[in-house]
Amino acid sequence: MKRTLHLKVTDQVSTLNRITSAFVRLQYNISELTVKPSSEKGISDMVITANIEDEAILKILIAKLNKQISVIDIEEVKA
């Protein structure tokens, strides 16, 4: 199932690397990735789409992403 996550992240060196590493550790590919500055200074909006069938794996992924110091907020975008 195609899952889309919207993240608010701080603009720091290696933020993108840390976030994509969470997907790598769970062996899931990112099919789409968009990053753009938000209206708040020093904050970026990131949208990630991946094919994740298992709801339990999605919860694990979100938990791993929430542990990242550069991640401010995560929400799953329902289609």
Protein backbone atom coordinates (compact mmCIF):
# COMPACT_ATOMS: atom_id res chain seq x y z
CA MET A 1 0.00 0.00 0.00
CA LYS A 2 1.28 3.43 -0.92
CA ARG A 3 1.93 5.49 2.24
CA THR A 4 2.65 9.20 2.32
CA LEU A 5 4.29 10.84 5.33
CA HIS A 6 4.56 14.58 5.91
CA LEU A 7 7.44 15.59 8.18
CA LYS A 8 8.49 18.92 9.63
CA VAL A 9 12.25 18.86 10.11
CA THR A 10 14.97 21.27 11.13
CA ASP A 11 17.42 22.47 8.51
CA GLN A 12 20.57 20.71 9.68
CA VAL A 13 23.43 18.94 8.00
CA SER A 14 22.67 15.21 7.59
CA THR A 15 18.92 15.46 8.37
CA LEU A 16 18.03 13.86 5.05
CA ASN A 17 20.61 11.11 5.58
CA ARG A 18 19.26 10.23 9.02
CA ILE A 19 15.67 10.08 7.81
CA THR A 20 16.39 7.97 4.75
CA SER A 21 18.54 5.65 6.89
CA ALA A 22 15.43 4.71 8.88
CA PHE A 23 13.88 3.41 5.64
CA VAL A 24 17.10 1.58 4.71
CA ARG A 25 17.29 -0.19 8.08
CA LEU A 26 13.75 -1.52 7.56
CA GLN A 27 14.58 -2.37 3.91
CA TYR A 28 11.95 -0.12 2.31
CA ASN A 29 12.52 2.04 -0.74
CA ILE A 30 11.34 5.62 -0.93
CA SER A 31 9.38 6.07 -4.15
CA GLU A 32 8.95 9.85 -3.89
CA LEU A 33 10.73 12.48 -1.81
CA THR A 34 10.07 16.22 -1.76
CA VAL A 35 11.72 18.75 0.53
CA LYS A 36 10.94 22.46 0.57
CA PRO A 37 11.37 25.34 3.01
CA SER A 38 8.39 26.00 5.28
CA SER A 39 7.06 29.38 6.32
CA GLU A 40 9.04 29.01 9.56
CA LYS A 41 12.72 29.95 9.45
CA GLY A 42 15.05 26.95 9.84
CA ILE A 43 12.26 24.41 9.25
CA SER A 44 11.59 22.34 6.12
CA ASP A 45 8.56 20.39 4.98
CA MET A 46 9.36 16.90 3.76
CA VAL A 47 6.94 14.57 1.98
CA ILE A 48 7.95 10.93 1.61
CA THR A 49 6.03 8.25 -0.27
CA ALA A 50 6.84 4.56 0.11
CA ASN A 51 5.10 1.27 -0.53
CA ILE A 52 4.53 -0.17 2.96
CA GLU A 53 1.91 -2.92 3.23
CA ASP A 54 2.27 -3.81 6.90
CA GLU A 55 0.66 -1.43 9.40
CA ALA A 56 3.00 -2.65 12.17
CA ILE A 57 6.07 -1.79 10.07
CA LEU A 58 4.63 1.66 9.41
CA LYS A 59 4.25 2.23 13.15
CA ILE A 60 7.85 1.09 13.74
CA LEU A 61 9.08 3.42 11.00
CA ILE A 62 7.18 6.39 12.43
CA ALA A 63 8.55 5.60 15.90
CA LYS A 64 12.12 5.50 14.51
CA LEU A 65 11.59 8.80 12.71
CA ASN A 66 10.17 10.41 15.85
CA LYS A 67 13.39 9.52 17.70
CA GLN A 68 15.41 11.65 15.29
CA ILE A 69 16.33 14.95 16.93
CA SER A 70 15.81 16.85 13.67
CA VAL A 71 12.20 15.63 13.26
CA ILE A 72 9.65 18.02 14.75
CA ASP A 73 6.39 16.42 13.58
CA ILE A 74 5.17 13.49 11.49
CA GLU A 75 1.75 12.79 10.11
CA GLU A 76 0.49 10.22 7.64
CA VAL A 77 -1.36 11.81 4.76
CA LYS A 78 -4.53 9.85 4.01
CA ALA A 79 -5.44 9.65 0.33
